[in-house]
Amino acid sequence: MRITYKGDYAINTILDLAVHYNKSLVTIHELARRSDMPIKFLEQVLLELKRGGFVKSKRGKVGGYFLAKHPAQIKLGDVIRFIDGPIEPIACVEKRYSGCNIIERCVLRKIWQEINLATSNVVDNVTFEDLLNQINVQKETAVYQI
């Protein structure tokens, strides 16, 4: 699995919108400033996230972006796959793969399948609500010194 800049920006955008879920719409300028993203690139990311059903927008002077679903319903793996494609380390991991003549005796395929399973177990069991909870715990445990 390889996360591109676009995938990283998409994940951070959804996380930012999750922080503001049911609070307020978020403008593209706020998103770009808080996440240090180029606005032009962020526009492309938001269009894809809208196409994927993760994000919605409201036009107008008081417009902005918001999550299309509750953060608990958006899994990290869904966003990664939508933006960056499959998470499998190699194509032969797929069950119906037929592009290799030695697949039945390949000793590496089992390792790739284990890597795929381990990765999937992480990204498919983390929701953006889980990430919000981690943010809140970090805020509570922050130590301030003078």
N, C-alpha and C. Protein backbone atom coordinates (compact mmCIF):
# COMPACT_ATOMS: atom_id res chain seq x y z
N MET A 1 0.85 -1.17 0.00
CA MET A 1 0.00 0.00 0.00
C MET A 1 0.89 1.23 0.00
N ARG A 2 0.51 2.17 -0.82
CA ARG A 2 1.23 3.43 -0.89
C ARG A 2 0.22 4.56 -0.83
N ILE A 3 0.40 5.45 0.13
CA ILE A 3 -0.49 6.60 0.26
C ILE A 3 0.16 7.76 -0.49
N THR A 4 -0.55 8.29 -1.47
CA THR A 4 -0.06 9.43 -2.24
C THR A 4 -0.33 10.72 -1.46
N TYR A 5 0.21 11.83 -1.96
CA TYR A 5 -0.11 13.13 -1.37
C TYR A 5 -1.62 13.37 -1.43
N LYS A 6 -2.22 13.00 -2.55
CA LYS A 6 -3.66 13.17 -2.70
C LYS A 6 -4.41 12.37 -1.64
N GLY A 7 -3.97 11.15 -1.40
CA GLY A 7 -4.61 10.32 -0.38
C GLY A 7 -4.42 10.90 1.01
N ASP A 8 -3.23 11.40 1.29
CA ASP A 8 -2.95 12.02 2.58
C ASP A 8 -3.82 13.26 2.77
N TYR A 9 -3.91 14.09 1.73
CA TYR A 9 -4.75 15.29 1.82
C TYR A 9 -6.21 14.90 2.01
N ALA A 10 -6.66 13.86 1.33
CA ALA A 10 -8.05 13.43 1.46
C ALA A 10 -8.34 12.97 2.89
N ILE A 11 -7.44 12.19 3.45
CA ILE A 11 -7.62 11.70 4.82
C ILE A 11 -7.64 12.87 5.81
N ASN A 12 -6.70 13.80 5.65
CA ASN A 12 -6.66 14.96 6.54
C ASN A 12 -7.88 15.87 6.36
N THR A 13 -8.38 15.97 5.15
CA THR A 13 -9.58 16.77 4.89
C THR A 13 -10.78 16.16 5.59
N ILE A 14 -10.95 14.87 5.47
CA ILE A 14 -12.07 14.21 6.13
C ILE A 14 -11.94 14.31 7.64
N LEU A 15 -10.73 14.17 8.14
CA LEU A 15 -10.51 14.31 9.58
C LEU A 15 -10.87 15.71 10.06
N ASP A 16 -10.47 16.72 9.32
CA ASP A 16 -10.81 18.10 9.68
C ASP A 16 -12.33 18.29 9.67
N LEU A 17 -12.99 17.78 8.65
CA LEU A 17 -14.45 17.89 8.58
C LEU A 17 -15.12 17.09 9.69
N ALA A 18 -14.50 16.01 10.11
CA ALA A 18 -15.04 15.21 11.22
C ALA A 18 -14.97 16.00 12.52
N VAL A 19 -13.89 16.75 12.70
CA VAL A 19 -13.76 17.59 13.90
C VAL A 19 -14.90 18.60 13.97
N HIS A 20 -15.35 19.07 12.81
CA HIS A 20 -16.41 20.07 12.75
C HIS A 20 -17.77 19.47 12.43
N TYR A 21 -17.89 18.16 12.52
CA TYR A 21 -19.15 17.50 12.18
C TYR A 21 -20.29 18.03 13.05
N ASN A 22 -21.39 18.40 12.41
CA ASN A 22 -22.59 18.94 13.07
C ASN A 22 -22.32 20.24 13.83
N LYS A 23 -21.23 20.91 13.54
CA LYS A 23 -20.94 22.19 14.21
C LYS A 23 -21.07 23.33 13.22
N SER A 24 -20.30 23.27 12.15
CA SER A 24 -20.33 24.35 11.16
C SER A 24 -19.79 23.83 9.83
N LEU A 25 -20.15 24.56 8.78
CA LEU A 25 -19.58 24.27 7.48
C LEU A 25 -18.14 24.77 7.49
N VAL A 26 -17.30 24.14 6.71
CA VAL A 26 -15.89 24.51 6.67
C VAL A 26 -15.57 24.99 5.26
N THR A 27 -15.00 26.18 5.16
CA THR A 27 -14.65 26.70 3.84
C THR A 27 -13.36 26.07 3.35
N ILE A 28 -13.18 26.13 2.06
CA ILE A 28 -11.96 25.57 1.47
C ILE A 28 -10.73 26.32 1.97
N HIS A 29 -10.88 27.61 2.23
CA HIS A 29 -9.75 28.39 2.74
C HIS A 29 -9.36 27.95 4.15
N GLU A 30 -10.36 27.65 4.98
CA GLU A 30 -10.07 27.15 6.33
C GLU A 30 -9.36 25.80 6.26
N LEU A 31 -9.88 24.92 5.41
CA LEU A 31 -9.26 23.59 5.25
C LEU A 31 -7.81 23.73 4.79
N ALA A 32 -7.60 24.56 3.80
CA ALA A 32 -6.26 24.72 3.24
C ALA A 32 -5.30 25.31 4.28
N ARG A 33 -5.76 26.29 5.03
CA ARG A 33 -4.91 26.93 6.03
C ARG A 33 -4.56 25.97 7.16
N ARG A 34 -5.56 25.27 7.69
CA ARG A 34 -5.31 24.38 8.83
C ARG A 34 -4.44 23.18 8.46
N SER A 35 -4.56 22.72 7.23
CA SER A 35 -3.81 21.53 6.82
C SER A 35 -2.61 21.84 5.94
N ASP A 36 -2.36 23.12 5.70
CA ASP A 36 -1.23 23.54 4.87
C ASP A 36 -1.26 22.86 3.51
N MET A 37 -2.42 23.00 2.84
CA MET A 37 -2.60 22.40 1.51
C MET A 37 -2.78 23.50 0.47
N PRO A 38 -2.24 23.29 -0.73
CA PRO A 38 -2.51 24.24 -1.82
C PRO A 38 -4.00 24.18 -2.18
N ILE A 39 -4.63 25.35 -2.30
CA ILE A 39 -6.08 25.40 -2.56
C ILE A 39 -6.44 24.69 -3.86
N LYS A 40 -5.68 24.91 -4.92
CA LYS A 40 -6.00 24.28 -6.22
C LYS A 40 -6.00 22.76 -6.11
N PHE A 41 -5.05 22.22 -5.40
CA PHE A 41 -4.99 20.76 -5.23
C PHE A 41 -6.12 20.29 -4.32
N LEU A 42 -6.41 21.07 -3.27
CA LEU A 42 -7.50 20.74 -2.36
C LEU A 42 -8.84 20.73 -3.09
N GLU A 43 -9.02 21.62 -4.04
CA GLU A 43 -10.25 21.64 -4.84
C GLU A 43 -10.45 20.29 -5.54
N GLN A 44 -9.38 19.76 -6.12
CA GLN A 44 -9.45 18.46 -6.81
C GLN A 44 -9.78 17.35 -5.82
N VAL A 45 -9.15 17.39 -4.65
CA VAL A 45 -9.38 16.37 -3.63
C VAL A 45 -10.84 16.41 -3.18
N LEU A 46 -11.35 17.62 -2.94
CA LEU A 46 -12.75 17.76 -2.49
C LEU A 46 -13.73 17.29 -3.56
N LEU A 47 -13.43 17.55 -4.82
CA LEU A 47 -14.30 17.07 -5.90
C LEU A 47 -14.36 15.54 -5.91
N GLU A 48 -13.20 14.91 -5.73
CA GLU A 48 -13.18 13.44 -5.69
C GLU A 48 -13.91 12.91 -4.47
N LEU A 49 -13.71 13.55 -3.33
CA LEU A 49 -14.40 13.11 -2.11
C LEU A 49 -15.91 13.29 -2.24
N LYS A 50 -16.33 14.32 -2.93
CA LYS A 50 -17.77 14.51 -3.20
C LYS A 50 -18.28 13.38 -4.12
N ARG A 51 -17.50 13.10 -5.16
CA ARG A 51 -17.88 12.03 -6.09
C ARG A 51 -17.97 10.69 -5.38
N GLY A 52 -17.13 10.49 -4.38
CA GLY A 52 -17.12 9.24 -3.62
C GLY A 52 -18.17 9.17 -2.54
N GLY A 53 -18.91 10.26 -2.33
CA GLY A 53 -19.98 10.26 -1.34
C GLY A 53 -19.49 10.48 0.09
N PHE A 54 -18.27 10.95 0.25
CA PHE A 54 -17.73 11.22 1.58
C PHE A 54 -18.06 12.63 2.07
N VAL A 55 -18.14 13.56 1.12
CA VAL A 55 -18.26 14.98 1.44
C VAL A 55 -19.41 15.59 0.63
N LYS A 56 -20.05 16.58 1.23
CA LYS A 56 -21.06 17.37 0.52
C LYS A 56 -20.66 18.84 0.67
N SER A 57 -21.29 19.66 -0.16
CA SER A 57 -20.98 21.09 -0.08
C SER A 57 -22.26 21.90 -0.18
N LYS A 58 -22.16 23.11 0.32
CA LYS A 58 -23.26 24.06 0.23
C LYS A 58 -22.69 25.32 -0.39
N ARG A 59 -23.35 25.81 -1.42
CA ARG A 59 -22.86 27.00 -2.12
C ARG A 59 -23.34 28.26 -1.41
N GLY A 60 -22.70 29.34 -1.77
CA GLY A 60 -23.14 30.64 -1.29
C GLY A 60 -22.19 31.28 -0.32
N LYS A 61 -22.60 32.45 0.14
CA LYS A 61 -21.77 33.25 1.03
C LYS A 61 -21.48 32.53 2.35
N VAL A 62 -22.44 31.78 2.84
CA VAL A 62 -22.25 31.02 4.08
C VAL A 62 -22.06 29.54 3.79
N GLY A 63 -21.55 29.25 2.61
CA GLY A 63 -21.36 27.87 2.18
C GLY A 63 -20.07 27.27 2.71
N GLY A 64 -19.88 26.04 2.33
CA GLY A 64 -18.68 25.33 2.74
C GLY A 64 -18.86 23.84 2.55
N TYR A 65 -18.01 23.08 3.19
CA TYR A 65 -18.01 21.63 3.06
C TYR A 65 -18.36 20.97 4.39
N PHE A 66 -18.94 19.77 4.29
CA PHE A 66 -19.27 18.98 5.47
C PHE A 66 -19.28 17.51 5.09
N LEU A 67 -19.18 16.65 6.10
CA LEU A 67 -19.19 15.20 5.83
C LEU A 67 -20.58 14.76 5.41
N ALA A 68 -20.62 13.85 4.47
CA ALA A 68 -21.89 13.30 4.00
C ALA A 68 -22.45 12.26 4.96
N LYS A 69 -21.59 11.70 5.81
CA LYS A 69 -22.00 10.68 6.78
C LYS A 69 -21.36 10.98 8.12
N HIS A 70 -21.88 10.34 9.14
CA HIS A 70 -21.29 10.45 10.47
C HIS A 70 -19.86 9.89 10.43
N PRO A 71 -18.92 10.48 11.17
CA PRO A 71 -17.54 9.98 11.18
C PRO A 71 -17.41 8.49 11.53
N ALA A 72 -18.35 7.97 12.30
CA ALA A 72 -18.31 6.54 12.65
C ALA A 72 -18.61 5.65 11.45
N GLN A 73 -19.20 6.22 10.41
CA GLN A 73 -19.57 5.44 9.23
C GLN A 73 -18.53 5.53 8.11
N ILE A 74 -17.46 6.27 8.34
CA ILE A 74 -16.41 6.41 7.32
C ILE A 74 -15.16 5.71 7.83
N LYS A 75 -14.75 4.69 7.12
CA LYS A 75 -13.56 3.94 7.50
C LYS A 75 -12.35 4.45 6.73
N LEU A 76 -11.23 4.44 7.41
CA LEU A 76 -9.98 4.88 6.80
C LEU A 76 -9.70 4.11 5.52
N GLY A 77 -9.92 2.80 5.53
CA GLY A 77 -9.66 1.97 4.36
C GLY A 77 -10.51 2.34 3.16
N ASP A 78 -11.75 2.77 3.40
CA ASP A 78 -12.62 3.17 2.29
C ASP A 78 -12.06 4.40 1.57
N VAL A 79 -11.57 5.35 2.35
CA VAL A 79 -11.00 6.57 1.76
C VAL A 79 -9.71 6.24 1.01
N ILE A 80 -8.85 5.45 1.62
CA ILE A 80 -7.59 5.08 0.97
C ILE A 80 -7.86 4.37 -0.35
N ARG A 81 -8.74 3.40 -0.34
CA ARG A 81 -9.04 2.65 -1.58
C ARG A 81 -9.66 3.55 -2.64
N PHE A 82 -10.55 4.44 -2.21
CA PHE A 82 -11.21 5.31 -3.19
C PHE A 82 -10.22 6.25 -3.86
N ILE A 83 -9.34 6.83 -3.08
CA ILE A 83 -8.40 7.81 -3.63
C ILE A 83 -7.18 7.15 -4.27
N ASP A 84 -6.58 6.19 -3.58
CA ASP A 84 -5.30 5.62 -4.03
C ASP A 84 -5.39 4.22 -4.62
N GLY A 85 -6.56 3.63 -4.62
CA GLY A 85 -6.70 2.31 -5.21
C GLY A 85 -6.48 1.19 -4.21
N PRO A 86 -6.29 -0.03 -4.70
CA PRO A 86 -6.18 -1.20 -3.83
C PRO A 86 -5.03 -1.09 -2.83
N ILE A 87 -5.21 -1.75 -1.70
CA ILE A 87 -4.15 -1.74 -0.69
C ILE A 87 -3.27 -2.99 -0.76
N GLU A 88 -3.62 -3.93 -1.60
CA GLU A 88 -2.84 -5.15 -1.73
C GLU A 88 -1.42 -4.82 -2.16
N PRO A 89 -0.43 -5.49 -1.56
CA PRO A 89 0.97 -5.20 -1.89
C PRO A 89 1.36 -5.66 -3.30
N ILE A 90 0.57 -6.60 -3.86
CA ILE A 90 0.86 -7.13 -5.20
C ILE A 90 -0.44 -7.74 -5.74
N ALA A 91 -0.60 -7.73 -7.04
CA ALA A 91 -1.86 -8.15 -7.66
C ALA A 91 -2.24 -9.60 -7.37
N CYS A 92 -1.27 -10.48 -7.20
CA CYS A 92 -1.58 -11.90 -7.04
C CYS A 92 -2.29 -12.22 -5.72
N VAL A 93 -2.43 -11.25 -4.85
CA VAL A 93 -3.13 -11.45 -3.59
C VAL A 93 -4.62 -11.69 -3.84
N GLU A 94 -5.14 -11.11 -4.89
CA GLU A 94 -6.56 -11.25 -5.21
C GLU A 94 -6.91 -12.71 -5.45
N LYS A 95 -8.08 -13.12 -4.97
CA LYS A 95 -8.49 -14.53 -5.03
C LYS A 95 -8.58 -15.07 -6.45
N ARG A 96 -9.07 -14.28 -7.36
CA ARG A 96 -9.28 -14.76 -8.74
C ARG A 96 -8.14 -14.42 -9.68
N TYR A 97 -7.01 -14.06 -9.12
CA TYR A 97 -5.87 -13.66 -9.94
C TYR A 97 -5.41 -14.84 -10.80
N SER A 98 -5.19 -14.57 -12.10
CA SER A 98 -4.77 -15.65 -13.00
C SER A 98 -3.62 -15.22 -13.91
N GLY A 99 -2.92 -14.17 -13.53
CA GLY A 99 -1.87 -13.64 -14.38
C GLY A 99 -0.50 -14.24 -14.14
N CYS A 100 -0.43 -15.34 -13.41
CA CYS A 100 0.87 -15.93 -13.10
C CYS A 100 0.79 -17.45 -13.26
N ASN A 101 1.79 -18.02 -13.89
CA ASN A 101 1.81 -19.45 -14.13
C ASN A 101 2.29 -20.27 -12.93
N ILE A 102 2.95 -19.63 -11.97
CA ILE A 102 3.48 -20.38 -10.82
C ILE A 102 2.72 -20.08 -9.52
N ILE A 103 1.55 -19.52 -9.65
CA ILE A 103 0.81 -19.07 -8.46
C ILE A 103 0.53 -20.21 -7.47
N GLU A 104 0.32 -21.40 -7.96
CA GLU A 104 0.01 -22.52 -7.08
C GLU A 104 1.21 -22.98 -6.24
N ARG A 105 2.40 -22.73 -6.72
CA ARG A 105 3.59 -23.16 -5.97
C ARG A 105 4.44 -21.99 -5.47
N CYS A 106 3.92 -20.80 -5.57
CA CYS A 106 4.65 -19.60 -5.15
C CYS A 106 4.66 -19.48 -3.62
N VAL A 107 5.82 -19.47 -3.04
CA VAL A 107 5.94 -19.37 -1.58
C VAL A 107 5.76 -17.93 -1.09
N LEU A 108 5.90 -16.97 -1.98
CA LEU A 108 5.76 -15.57 -1.58
C LEU A 108 4.29 -15.13 -1.48
N ARG A 109 3.42 -15.78 -2.24
CA ARG A 109 2.01 -15.36 -2.27
C ARG A 109 1.39 -15.38 -0.88
N LYS A 110 1.70 -16.39 -0.08
CA LYS A 110 1.14 -16.48 1.27
C LYS A 110 1.61 -15.29 2.12
N ILE A 111 2.85 -14.90 1.96
CA ILE A 111 3.37 -13.75 2.71
C ILE A 111 2.64 -12.48 2.29
N TRP A 112 2.46 -12.30 0.97
CA TRP A 112 1.75 -11.10 0.48
C TRP A 112 0.31 -11.10 1.00
N GLN A 113 -0.31 -12.27 1.06
CA GLN A 113 -1.67 -12.36 1.58
C GLN A 113 -1.72 -11.99 3.06
N GLU A 114 -0.73 -12.41 3.83
CA GLU A 114 -0.68 -12.07 5.25
C GLU A 114 -0.48 -10.57 5.45
N ILE A 115 0.37 -9.99 4.62
CA ILE A 115 0.59 -8.54 4.69
C ILE A 115 -0.70 -7.81 4.35
N ASN A 116 -1.38 -8.27 3.32
CA ASN A 116 -2.66 -7.68 2.92
C ASN A 116 -3.69 -7.78 4.04
N LEU A 117 -3.78 -8.94 4.66
CA LEU A 117 -4.73 -9.15 5.74
C LEU A 117 -4.42 -8.25 6.94
N ALA A 118 -3.15 -8.15 7.29
CA ALA A 118 -2.76 -7.29 8.41
C ALA A 118 -3.08 -5.83 8.12
N THR A 119 -2.77 -5.38 6.93
CA THR A 119 -3.06 -3.99 6.55
C THR A 119 -4.56 -3.74 6.55
N SER A 120 -5.31 -4.64 5.95
CA SER A 120 -6.77 -4.50 5.91
C SER A 120 -7.37 -4.48 7.31
N ASN A 121 -6.85 -5.32 8.19
CA ASN A 121 -7.36 -5.36 9.56
C ASN A 121 -7.18 -4.03 10.27
N VAL A 122 -6.16 -3.30 9.91
CA VAL A 122 -5.96 -1.99 10.53
C VAL A 122 -6.86 -0.95 9.86
N VAL A 123 -6.69 -0.73 8.58
CA VAL A 123 -7.39 0.38 7.92
C VAL A 123 -8.90 0.17 7.82
N ASP A 124 -9.35 -1.07 7.84
CA ASP A 124 -10.79 -1.33 7.75
C ASP A 124 -11.47 -1.35 9.11
N ASN A 125 -10.71 -1.22 10.16
CA ASN A 125 -11.30 -1.18 11.50
C ASN A 125 -11.06 0.14 12.22
N VAL A 126 -10.60 1.13 11.48
CA VAL A 126 -10.42 2.47 12.04
C VAL A 126 -11.40 3.40 11.34
N THR A 127 -12.28 4.00 12.14
CA THR A 127 -13.20 4.99 11.60
C THR A 127 -12.67 6.39 11.94
N PHE A 128 -13.26 7.37 11.30
CA PHE A 128 -12.86 8.73 11.61
C PHE A 128 -13.36 9.15 12.99
N GLU A 129 -14.35 8.48 13.52
CA GLU A 129 -14.74 8.72 14.90
C GLU A 129 -13.64 8.22 15.85
N ASP A 130 -13.04 7.08 15.52
CA ASP A 130 -11.91 6.58 16.32
C ASP A 130 -10.77 7.60 16.34
N LEU A 131 -10.49 8.18 15.19
CA LEU A 131 -9.42 9.18 15.11
C LEU A 131 -9.78 10.43 15.91
N LEU A 132 -11.06 10.82 15.87
CA LEU A 132 -11.51 11.96 16.69
C LEU A 132 -11.31 11.68 18.17
N ASN A 133 -11.63 10.47 18.58
CA ASN A 133 -11.44 10.09 19.98
C ASN A 133 -9.97 10.19 20.37
N GLN A 134 -9.08 9.80 19.47
CA GLN A 134 -7.64 9.91 19.75
C GLN A 134 -7.21 11.38 19.87
N ILE A 135 -7.78 12.23 19.03
CA ILE A 135 -7.49 13.66 19.12
C ILE A 135 -7.94 14.20 20.47
N ASN A 136 -9.13 13.81 20.91
CA ASN A 136 -9.66 14.29 22.18
C ASN A 136 -8.82 13.80 23.36
N VAL A 137 -8.34 12.57 23.29
CA VAL A 137 -7.48 12.05 24.36
C VAL A 137 -6.17 12.83 24.40
N GLN A 138 -5.63 13.14 23.24
CA GLN A 138 -4.38 13.92 23.20
C GLN A 138 -4.58 15.30 23.81
N LYS A 139 -5.73 15.91 23.54
CA LYS A 139 -6.02 17.23 24.11
C LYS A 139 -6.12 17.16 25.63
N GLU A 140 -6.75 16.10 26.13
CA GLU A 140 -6.92 15.95 27.57
C GLU A 140 -5.62 15.67 28.29
N THR A 141 -4.70 14.97 27.63
CA THR A 141 -3.45 14.59 28.28
C THR A 141 -2.30 15.55 27.99
N ALA A 142 -2.59 16.64 27.27
CA ALA A 142 -1.55 17.60 26.97
C ALA A 142 -1.04 18.23 28.27
N VAL A 143 0.25 18.33 28.38
CA VAL A 143 0.87 18.90 29.57
C VAL A 143 1.36 20.30 29.22
N TYR A 144 0.97 21.26 30.00
CA TYR A 144 1.37 22.63 29.79
C TYR A 144 2.39 23.03 30.85
N GLN A 145 3.47 23.67 30.43
CA GLN A 145 4.49 24.11 31.37
C GLN A 145 4.74 25.60 31.14
N ILE A 146 5.06 26.25 32.23
CA ILE A 146 5.36 27.68 32.13
C ILE A 146 6.83 27.89 32.46
